[in-house]
Amino acid sequence: MNFLRCTFILISLLGLSACSQPDQATVDVQIDHKQLNLQNSAGDTSAFSSYLELKVYSDVSLATHKAQELDAKLSAFLYSTTEDTLADAQNAWRSAYDAYLSALIYSRLPINDPSEWLKKGISQQQTLLLIDSWPIEGGYIDYVDGYPFSGIVNDLALPLTADSLISQHGFADPSYVSLGFHALEFMLWGEDGQRSPKDFLAKDNTASAVINDDILKEDSKTLAVNERHDLVQNHHRRRQYVQLVSDQLQKNLQRLQSRWEPSNGYYASVLQRSEPEQVLRASFIATQNLISDELLNKRLNGNSSAFSNTSWADISAIINGIRLLYLPEQSSEHDGGGLQRLLHDNKHAVIEEWQHLFEAIDTSIVQWQQADAEDKVSRQQCRQHLIELLSLLKRTAGMLNIKMPAID
């Protein structure tokens, strides 16, 4: 594969500002009020809707904050490139990605973006692709085994700017990823999880490495690990690339955060204009789609965080977001929501079912963590518990007289 790029298309930098917004937009679900017959329904569904509005902004804001903390750790690492500062940056990456994934459920709420956002490339789906595209081809970004001069970092014909990285993202193939969490993951862990901090030293290229690239590719296969490291070049571009990707990650998360801002954010205003019953049903449908599409059909069939070998943590973070939506912690400032305010008859028995099932999922994820990344037994156990969670979600919806769509 030829990883070097010599051509690219410049497009406008994605802005945080939106455009004119439909005044009457609501969550895109239809409610049959003859079917929805909750005891004290107005108070219960209103409490859930209010809880959701506050929680989504809190969670998305936390994700943005964690990305800022990651940026600070990356700056500290580039200032002092040591094993310790690299480990700090890696831990900050994991923390930031966990926070993002915990808020992922809200991206499944059926809210239609204004058409202008799609034209400008700043719709929610387009923004999510800039934040969390995977799997990725590491060699599209930087050197990999046998290709010491591959990727954007080593393509001196490609200017390192925000515009050029945006134009390179998904260029020709979805795995050609230049932005987002997993681009940073590859930069922090490298192809084999053994990234050396020396790759980011602020030093110029060495003249001895400027040799025929075809010969270099062949010879690099027979060199010892420490000798291969001597071939690593373009340190300044590597540092610049990490800074640019981190900056774009923050901007894209800030875009989502601004849309959920309670006083004037577009998504927040859509929820506020929607009937509480619409918000409730939309939440159940969003949860069903997240479990079915994102977890069962996608993440359990691949390795979303392959370079850090922490794909199990991705599942855990998404599940935690679902858990706190329906079973908020009692110490939470938003603990007035969740199933407690929705269920009446057999409330405690159903909530115990939810709790026990989340515990079973946690146990299967711990077993996955302790086993090999490709361990089929642990993945299958997790898959089975998630299928059970889908069933419990649908049964709970039935108790609330919420009609759920069939899963494709």
Protein backbone atom coordinates (compact mmCIF):
# COMPACT_ATOMS: atom_id res chain seq x y z
CA MET A 1 0.00 0.00 0.00
CA ASN A 2 1.28 3.43 -0.84
CA PHE A 3 0.64 5.46 2.28
CA LEU A 4 2.18 8.72 1.06
CA ARG A 5 -0.12 11.41 -0.19
CA CYS A 6 0.89 14.08 -2.65
CA THR A 7 -2.54 15.40 -3.54
CA PHE A 8 -5.27 16.75 -1.34
CA ILE A 9 -8.35 18.97 -1.40
CA LEU A 10 -8.57 21.98 0.88
CA ILE A 11 -11.96 22.64 2.44
CA SER A 12 -13.13 25.24 4.90
CA LEU A 13 -12.39 24.75 8.57
CA LEU A 14 -15.46 23.53 10.38
CA GLY A 15 -16.87 26.34 12.49
CA LEU A 16 -18.56 26.12 15.85
CA SER A 17 -21.36 28.44 14.84
CA ALA A 18 -24.49 27.07 13.30
CA CYS A 19 -27.03 28.68 11.01
CA SER A 20 -30.71 29.45 11.00
CA GLN A 21 -32.58 26.84 13.01
CA PRO A 22 -36.15 25.58 12.59
CA ASP A 23 -38.23 27.09 15.37
CA GLN A 24 -40.70 24.21 15.67
CA ALA A 25 -38.37 21.18 15.52
CA THR A 26 -38.94 18.41 18.07
CA VAL A 27 -37.46 14.96 18.61
CA ASP A 28 -38.40 12.90 15.58
CA VAL A 29 -40.70 10.29 17.17
CA GLN A 30 -44.44 9.90 16.98
CA ILE A 31 -46.45 9.37 20.16
CA ASP A 32 -49.79 7.56 20.34
CA HIS A 33 -51.29 9.11 23.45
CA LYS A 34 -53.87 6.33 23.61
CA GLN A 35 -51.02 3.86 24.11
CA LEU A 36 -48.99 5.94 26.55
CA ASN A 37 -50.88 5.69 29.82
CA LEU A 38 -48.45 6.18 32.70
CA GLN A 39 -49.75 6.63 36.22
CA ASN A 40 -49.18 10.31 37.00
CA SER A 41 -47.62 10.42 33.54
CA ALA A 42 -47.18 14.20 33.27
CA GLY A 43 -45.11 14.44 36.42
CA ASP A 44 -43.08 11.28 35.81
CA THR A 45 -42.22 11.89 32.18
CA SER A 46 -41.52 15.57 32.86
CA ALA A 47 -39.04 14.58 35.58
CA PHE A 48 -37.28 12.18 33.20
CA SER A 49 -37.19 14.77 30.43
CA SER A 50 -35.77 17.44 32.75
CA TYR A 51 -33.21 14.98 34.07
CA LEU A 52 -32.13 14.09 30.54
CA GLU A 53 -31.76 17.74 29.49
CA LEU A 54 -29.44 18.47 32.40
CA LYS A 55 -27.51 15.23 32.21
CA VAL A 56 -26.72 15.38 28.52
CA TYR A 57 -25.16 18.83 28.83
CA SER A 58 -23.25 17.75 31.94
CA ASP A 59 -21.89 14.63 30.23
CA VAL A 60 -20.95 16.33 26.96
CA SER A 61 -19.29 19.14 28.93
CA LEU A 62 -17.29 16.55 30.89
CA ALA A 63 -16.12 14.99 27.62
CA THR A 64 -14.97 18.42 26.42
CA HIS A 65 -13.21 19.07 29.71
CA LYS A 66 -11.43 15.72 29.57
CA ALA A 67 -10.25 16.50 26.04
CA GLN A 68 -8.78 19.74 27.37
CA GLU A 69 -7.00 17.79 30.11
CA LEU A 70 -5.66 15.45 27.45
CA ASP A 71 -4.36 18.43 25.49
CA ALA A 72 -2.55 19.67 28.61
CA LYS A 73 -0.94 16.25 29.12
CA LEU A 74 0.11 16.15 25.48
CA SER A 75 1.74 19.57 25.86
CA ALA A 76 3.57 18.38 28.96
CA PHE A 77 4.74 15.29 27.08
CA LEU A 78 6.03 17.30 24.12
CA TYR A 79 7.82 19.61 26.54
CA SER A 80 9.49 16.70 28.34
CA THR A 81 9.43 13.52 26.25
CA THR A 82 9.88 10.82 28.89
CA GLU A 83 8.29 7.45 29.56
CA ASP A 84 6.41 8.98 32.51
CA THR A 85 4.94 11.90 30.57
CA LEU A 86 4.00 9.54 27.74
CA ALA A 87 2.20 7.30 30.23
CA ASP A 88 0.40 10.36 31.63
CA ALA A 89 -0.75 11.32 28.13
CA GLN A 90 -1.91 7.75 27.47
CA ASN A 91 -3.92 7.71 30.69
CA ALA A 92 -5.44 11.09 29.83
CA TRP A 93 -6.40 9.75 26.39
CA ARG A 94 -8.21 6.81 27.98
CA SER A 95 -10.01 9.10 30.44
CA ALA A 96 -11.08 11.50 27.69
CA TYR A 97 -12.32 8.72 25.43
CA ASP A 98 -14.25 7.14 28.31
CA ALA A 99 -16.01 10.44 28.95
CA TYR A 100 -16.90 10.80 25.27
CA LEU A 101 -18.24 7.25 25.02
CA SER A 102 -20.31 7.66 28.19
CA ALA A 103 -22.18 10.46 26.42
CA LEU A 104 -22.51 8.57 23.13
CA ILE A 105 -26.10 7.53 23.81
CA TYR A 106 -27.31 11.10 23.29
CA SER A 107 -26.04 11.08 19.72
CA ARG A 108 -28.72 8.47 19.02
CA LEU A 109 -31.61 10.71 19.99
CA PRO A 110 -33.68 11.30 16.83
CA ILE A 111 -32.99 15.01 16.40
CA ASN A 112 -32.75 16.26 12.83
CA ASP A 113 -30.00 18.77 12.08
CA PRO A 114 -30.77 21.86 9.97
CA SER A 115 -30.03 21.16 6.30
CA GLU A 116 -27.43 23.93 6.25
CA TRP A 117 -25.28 22.01 8.72
CA LEU A 118 -25.12 19.03 6.38
CA LYS A 119 -24.11 21.27 3.48
CA LYS A 120 -21.35 22.84 5.59
CA GLY A 121 -20.11 19.47 6.83
CA ILE A 122 -20.94 20.21 10.46
CA SER A 123 -23.95 17.97 11.07
CA GLN A 124 -23.85 15.74 14.12
CA GLN A 125 -23.00 12.62 12.10
CA GLN A 126 -20.21 14.41 10.22
CA THR A 127 -18.82 15.77 13.49
CA LEU A 128 -18.89 12.33 15.12
CA LEU A 129 -16.86 10.93 12.23
CA LEU A 130 -14.21 13.58 12.88
CA ILE A 131 -14.14 12.58 16.56
CA ASP A 132 -14.39 8.79 16.58
CA SER A 133 -13.63 7.05 13.27
CA TRP A 134 -12.30 3.48 13.48
CA PRO A 135 -10.76 1.14 12.51
CA ILE A 136 -7.87 3.13 11.15
CA GLU A 137 -4.85 2.46 8.96
CA GLY A 138 -1.91 3.54 11.09
CA GLY A 139 0.41 3.78 8.11
CA TYR A 140 -1.79 6.52 6.69
CA ILE A 141 -0.66 8.68 9.62
CA ASP A 142 2.93 7.73 10.48
CA TYR A 143 5.57 5.08 10.09
CA VAL A 144 4.79 1.39 10.54
CA ASP A 145 6.96 -1.69 10.38
CA GLY A 146 8.58 -1.92 6.97
CA TYR A 147 7.46 1.60 5.98
CA PRO A 148 9.59 4.05 7.96
CA PHE A 149 8.66 7.04 5.78
CA SER A 150 4.94 6.41 5.41
CA GLY A 151 1.97 8.55 6.31
CA ILE A 152 0.97 12.14 6.71
CA VAL A 153 3.75 12.84 9.21
CA ASN A 154 6.43 11.85 6.69
CA ASP A 155 4.80 13.30 3.57
CA LEU A 156 6.71 16.56 3.27
CA ALA A 157 4.60 17.59 0.26
CA LEU A 158 1.54 17.83 2.52
CA PRO A 159 1.30 20.99 4.62
CA LEU A 160 0.33 20.31 8.23
CA THR A 161 -2.68 22.56 8.77
CA ALA A 162 -6.16 22.05 10.16
CA ASP A 163 -7.64 22.37 6.66
CA SER A 164 -5.33 19.78 5.15
CA LEU A 165 -6.00 17.27 7.94
CA ILE A 166 -9.75 17.72 7.51
CA SER A 167 -9.44 17.11 3.77
CA GLN A 168 -7.29 14.02 4.37
CA HIS A 169 -9.80 12.50 6.84
CA GLY A 170 -11.49 9.56 5.12
CA PHE A 171 -9.73 10.35 1.85
CA ALA A 172 -10.35 7.45 -0.58
CA ASP A 173 -11.20 5.01 2.24
CA PRO A 174 -12.94 5.21 5.66
CA SER A 175 -9.85 3.72 7.33
CA TYR A 176 -7.74 6.64 6.11
CA VAL A 177 -8.28 8.54 9.33
CA SER A 178 -6.35 11.70 10.10
CA LEU A 179 -8.37 13.16 12.99
CA GLY A 180 -10.03 12.11 16.20
CA PHE A 181 -9.43 9.96 19.22
CA HIS A 182 -7.96 7.01 17.36
CA ALA A 183 -5.49 9.09 15.38
CA LEU A 184 -4.16 10.25 18.75
CA GLU A 185 -4.29 6.69 20.07
CA PHE A 186 -2.03 5.53 17.25
CA MET A 187 0.37 8.39 17.88
CA LEU A 188 0.58 7.63 21.61
CA TRP A 189 0.87 3.84 21.37
CA GLY A 190 2.24 3.21 17.91
CA GLU A 191 1.56 0.25 15.68
CA ASP A 192 2.45 -2.41 18.28
CA GLY A 193 1.63 -0.57 21.50
CA GLN A 194 5.31 0.19 22.11
CA ARG A 195 5.64 3.82 21.05
CA SER A 196 8.94 5.33 22.13
CA PRO A 197 8.91 8.86 23.56
CA LYS A 198 12.07 9.45 21.51
CA ASP A 199 9.86 9.64 18.43
CA PHE A 200 8.70 13.05 19.68
CA LEU A 201 12.04 14.62 20.59
CA ALA A 202 12.38 18.13 19.21
CA LYS A 203 15.24 17.34 16.86
CA ASP A 204 16.03 17.74 13.18
CA ASN A 205 16.33 14.91 10.68
CA THR A 206 19.60 13.00 10.55
CA ALA A 207 21.45 13.04 7.23
CA SER A 208 22.20 9.31 7.41
CA ALA A 209 18.51 8.49 7.11
CA VAL A 210 18.08 10.31 3.80
CA ILE A 211 18.61 7.33 1.53
CA ASN A 212 16.67 5.51 -1.13
CA ASP A 213 13.21 4.81 0.27
CA ASP A 214 12.80 1.43 -1.48
CA ILE A 215 16.08 0.17 -0.04
CA LEU A 216 15.10 1.55 3.35
CA LYS A 217 11.83 -0.37 3.37
CA GLU A 218 13.62 -3.65 2.62
CA ASP A 219 16.50 -3.14 5.03
CA SER A 220 14.26 -2.04 7.90
CA LYS A 221 12.73 -5.51 8.08
CA THR A 222 16.05 -7.03 9.14
CA LEU A 223 17.17 -4.34 11.58
CA ALA A 224 17.00 -4.70 15.35
CA VAL A 225 14.36 -2.68 17.16
CA ASN A 226 16.79 -0.03 18.42
CA GLU A 227 18.34 0.22 14.96
CA ARG A 228 14.95 0.68 13.37
CA HIS A 229 14.32 3.57 15.73
CA ASP A 230 17.33 5.34 14.25
CA LEU A 231 15.40 5.48 10.97
CA VAL A 232 12.56 7.52 12.51
CA GLN A 233 12.51 11.01 11.05
CA ASN A 234 10.38 14.17 10.89
CA HIS A 235 10.11 14.62 14.65
CA HIS A 236 8.95 18.22 14.38
CA ARG A 237 6.11 17.27 12.03
CA ARG A 238 5.12 14.45 14.38
CA ARG A 239 4.90 16.91 17.26
CA GLN A 240 2.96 19.40 15.15
CA TYR A 241 0.56 16.73 13.96
CA VAL A 242 -0.32 15.67 17.52
CA GLN A 243 -0.99 19.27 18.50
CA LEU A 244 -3.24 19.84 15.48
CA VAL A 245 -5.26 16.67 16.06
CA SER A 246 -5.75 17.53 19.72
CA ASP A 247 -6.86 21.05 18.81
CA GLN A 248 -9.41 19.75 16.30
CA LEU A 249 -10.70 17.19 18.78
CA GLN A 250 -11.42 19.94 21.29
CA LYS A 251 -13.14 22.10 18.68
CA ASN A 252 -15.40 19.30 17.51
CA LEU A 253 -16.40 18.40 21.06
CA GLN A 254 -17.01 22.06 21.82
CA ARG A 255 -19.33 22.19 18.82
CA LEU A 256 -21.46 19.41 20.30
CA GLN A 257 -21.33 20.99 23.74
CA SER A 258 -22.58 24.33 22.42
CA ARG A 259 -25.56 22.62 20.78
CA TRP A 260 -26.58 21.08 24.10
CA GLU A 261 -26.19 24.32 26.08
CA PRO A 262 -29.50 24.65 28.01
CA SER A 263 -30.20 28.34 27.35
CA ASN A 264 -29.66 28.57 23.59
CA GLY A 265 -28.22 25.31 22.23
CA TYR A 266 -30.10 23.91 19.23
CA TYR A 267 -30.34 20.31 20.50
CA ALA A 268 -31.34 21.48 23.99
CA SER A 269 -34.08 23.69 22.53
CA VAL A 270 -35.41 20.76 20.51
CA LEU A 271 -35.78 18.71 23.69
CA GLN A 272 -37.39 21.62 25.52
CA ARG A 273 -40.00 22.03 22.77
CA SER A 274 -40.79 18.32 22.71
CA GLU A 275 -43.47 16.73 24.82
CA PRO A 276 -42.01 14.77 27.78
CA GLU A 277 -43.58 11.59 26.38
CA GLN A 278 -41.68 12.13 23.13
CA VAL A 279 -38.41 12.54 24.99
CA LEU A 280 -39.03 9.41 27.02
CA ARG A 281 -39.79 7.24 24.01
CA ALA A 282 -36.90 8.77 22.08
CA SER A 283 -34.55 7.81 24.93
CA PHE A 284 -35.70 4.19 24.91
CA ILE A 285 -35.33 4.01 21.13
CA ALA A 286 -31.88 5.64 21.31
CA THR A 287 -30.80 3.05 23.89
CA GLN A 288 -32.09 0.19 21.78
CA ASN A 289 -30.25 1.48 18.71
CA LEU A 290 -27.04 2.07 20.63
CA ILE A 291 -26.97 -1.45 22.04
CA SER A 292 -27.98 -3.11 18.78
CA ASP A 293 -26.00 -1.09 16.24
CA GLU A 294 -23.01 0.29 18.13
CA LEU A 295 -22.31 -2.52 20.61
CA LEU A 296 -23.62 -5.81 19.22
CA ASN A 297 -23.10 -5.19 15.50
CA LYS A 298 -19.98 -3.05 15.59
CA ARG A 299 -17.77 -2.90 18.65
CA LEU A 300 -18.15 -6.54 19.70
CA ASN A 301 -17.16 -7.54 16.18
CA GLY A 302 -13.96 -5.50 16.09
CA ASN A 303 -11.27 -3.73 18.09
CA SER A 304 -12.16 -0.07 18.40
CA SER A 305 -9.09 0.73 20.52
CA ALA A 306 -6.67 -1.73 19.00
CA PHE A 307 -3.40 0.17 19.51
CA SER A 308 -3.91 0.64 23.26
CA ASN A 309 -5.49 -2.83 23.53
CA THR A 310 -8.40 -1.38 25.56
CA SER A 311 -11.45 -2.13 23.42
CA TRP A 312 -13.05 -3.71 26.47
CA ALA A 313 -12.92 -0.28 28.17
CA ASP A 314 -14.87 1.20 25.25
CA ILE A 315 -17.75 -1.19 25.92
CA SER A 316 -17.59 -0.43 29.63
CA ALA A 317 -17.78 3.33 29.09
CA ILE A 318 -20.79 3.09 26.77
CA ILE A 319 -22.58 0.78 29.20
CA ASN A 320 -21.84 3.18 32.05
CA GLY A 321 -23.54 5.97 30.11
CA ILE A 322 -26.66 3.81 29.72
CA ARG A 323 -26.56 2.80 33.37
CA LEU A 324 -26.46 6.35 34.68
CA LEU A 325 -29.31 7.40 32.41
CA TYR A 326 -31.69 4.82 33.85
CA LEU A 327 -30.16 4.20 37.28
CA PRO A 328 -28.66 7.53 38.37
CA GLU A 329 -26.44 7.52 41.42
CA GLN A 330 -28.31 8.62 44.52
CA SER A 331 -25.65 11.25 45.23
CA SER A 332 -26.14 12.75 41.77
CA GLU A 333 -27.56 16.25 41.52
CA HIS A 334 -29.85 14.87 38.82
CA ASP A 335 -31.04 11.78 40.73
CA GLY A 336 -34.67 12.81 40.34
CA GLY A 337 -34.78 11.06 36.99
CA GLY A 338 -34.25 7.51 35.87
CA LEU A 339 -36.53 4.52 36.27
CA GLN A 340 -37.32 5.35 39.89
CA ARG A 341 -39.70 8.11 38.83
CA LEU A 342 -41.22 6.13 35.97
CA LEU A 343 -42.03 2.72 37.43
CA HIS A 344 -44.65 2.12 40.10
CA ASP A 345 -45.96 -1.43 40.44
CA ASN A 346 -43.09 -3.94 40.85
CA LYS A 347 -40.67 -1.01 40.68
CA HIS A 348 -38.07 -2.50 43.01
CA ALA A 349 -38.09 -5.91 41.31
CA VAL A 350 -37.52 -4.41 37.85
CA ILE A 351 -34.79 -2.06 39.03
CA GLU A 352 -33.05 -4.98 40.71
CA GLU A 353 -33.12 -6.79 37.37
CA TRP A 354 -31.44 -3.81 35.73
CA GLN A 355 -28.82 -3.67 38.49
CA HIS A 356 -28.04 -7.39 38.36
CA LEU A 357 -27.74 -7.33 34.58
CA PHE A 358 -25.34 -4.38 34.65
CA GLU A 359 -23.27 -6.26 37.24
CA ALA A 360 -23.19 -9.31 34.95
CA ILE A 361 -22.04 -7.13 32.05
CA ASP A 362 -19.32 -5.60 34.25
CA THR A 363 -18.11 -9.08 35.20
CA SER A 364 -17.90 -10.20 31.58
CA ILE A 365 -15.94 -7.06 30.69
CA VAL A 366 -13.47 -7.69 33.53
CA GLN A 367 -12.97 -11.23 32.20
CA TRP A 368 -12.43 -9.78 28.73
CA GLN A 369 -9.85 -7.35 30.14
CA GLN A 370 -7.96 -10.18 31.82
CA ALA A 371 -8.06 -12.39 28.73
CA ASP A 372 -6.68 -11.87 25.26
CA ALA A 373 -8.12 -9.01 23.23
CA GLU A 374 -9.58 -11.51 20.76
CA ASP A 375 -10.93 -13.84 23.46
CA LYS A 376 -14.14 -15.19 21.96
CA VAL A 377 -15.55 -16.62 25.19
CA SER A 378 -15.47 -13.30 27.06
CA ARG A 379 -16.88 -11.44 24.09
CA GLN A 380 -19.67 -13.97 23.72
CA GLN A 381 -20.58 -13.65 27.40
CA CYS A 382 -20.71 -9.88 27.04
CA ARG A 383 -22.80 -10.23 23.89
CA GLN A 384 -25.30 -12.51 25.63
CA HIS A 385 -25.74 -10.08 28.52
CA LEU A 386 -26.28 -7.20 26.09
CA ILE A 387 -28.96 -9.21 24.29
CA GLU A 388 -30.58 -9.74 27.70
CA LEU A 389 -30.35 -5.99 28.32
CA LEU A 390 -32.17 -5.34 25.06
CA SER A 391 -34.91 -7.72 26.16
CA LEU A 392 -35.18 -6.04 29.58
CA LEU A 393 -35.28 -2.61 27.94
CA LYS A 394 -38.16 -3.70 25.71
CA ARG A 395 -40.00 -5.31 28.64
CA THR A 396 -39.59 -2.15 30.72
CA ALA A 397 -40.89 -0.09 27.81
CA GLY A 398 -43.92 -2.39 27.70
CA MET A 399 -44.60 -1.75 31.38
CA LEU A 400 -44.64 1.96 30.55
CA ASN A 401 -46.86 1.36 27.48
CA ILE A 402 -44.10 2.64 25.20
CA LYS A 403 -44.23 1.05 21.78
CA MET A 404 -40.74 0.15 20.56
CA PRO A 405 -39.83 -0.31 16.89
CA ALA A 406 -38.58 -3.69 15.71
CA ILE A 407 -34.81 -4.18 15.47
CA ASP A 408 -33.57 -4.67 11.93
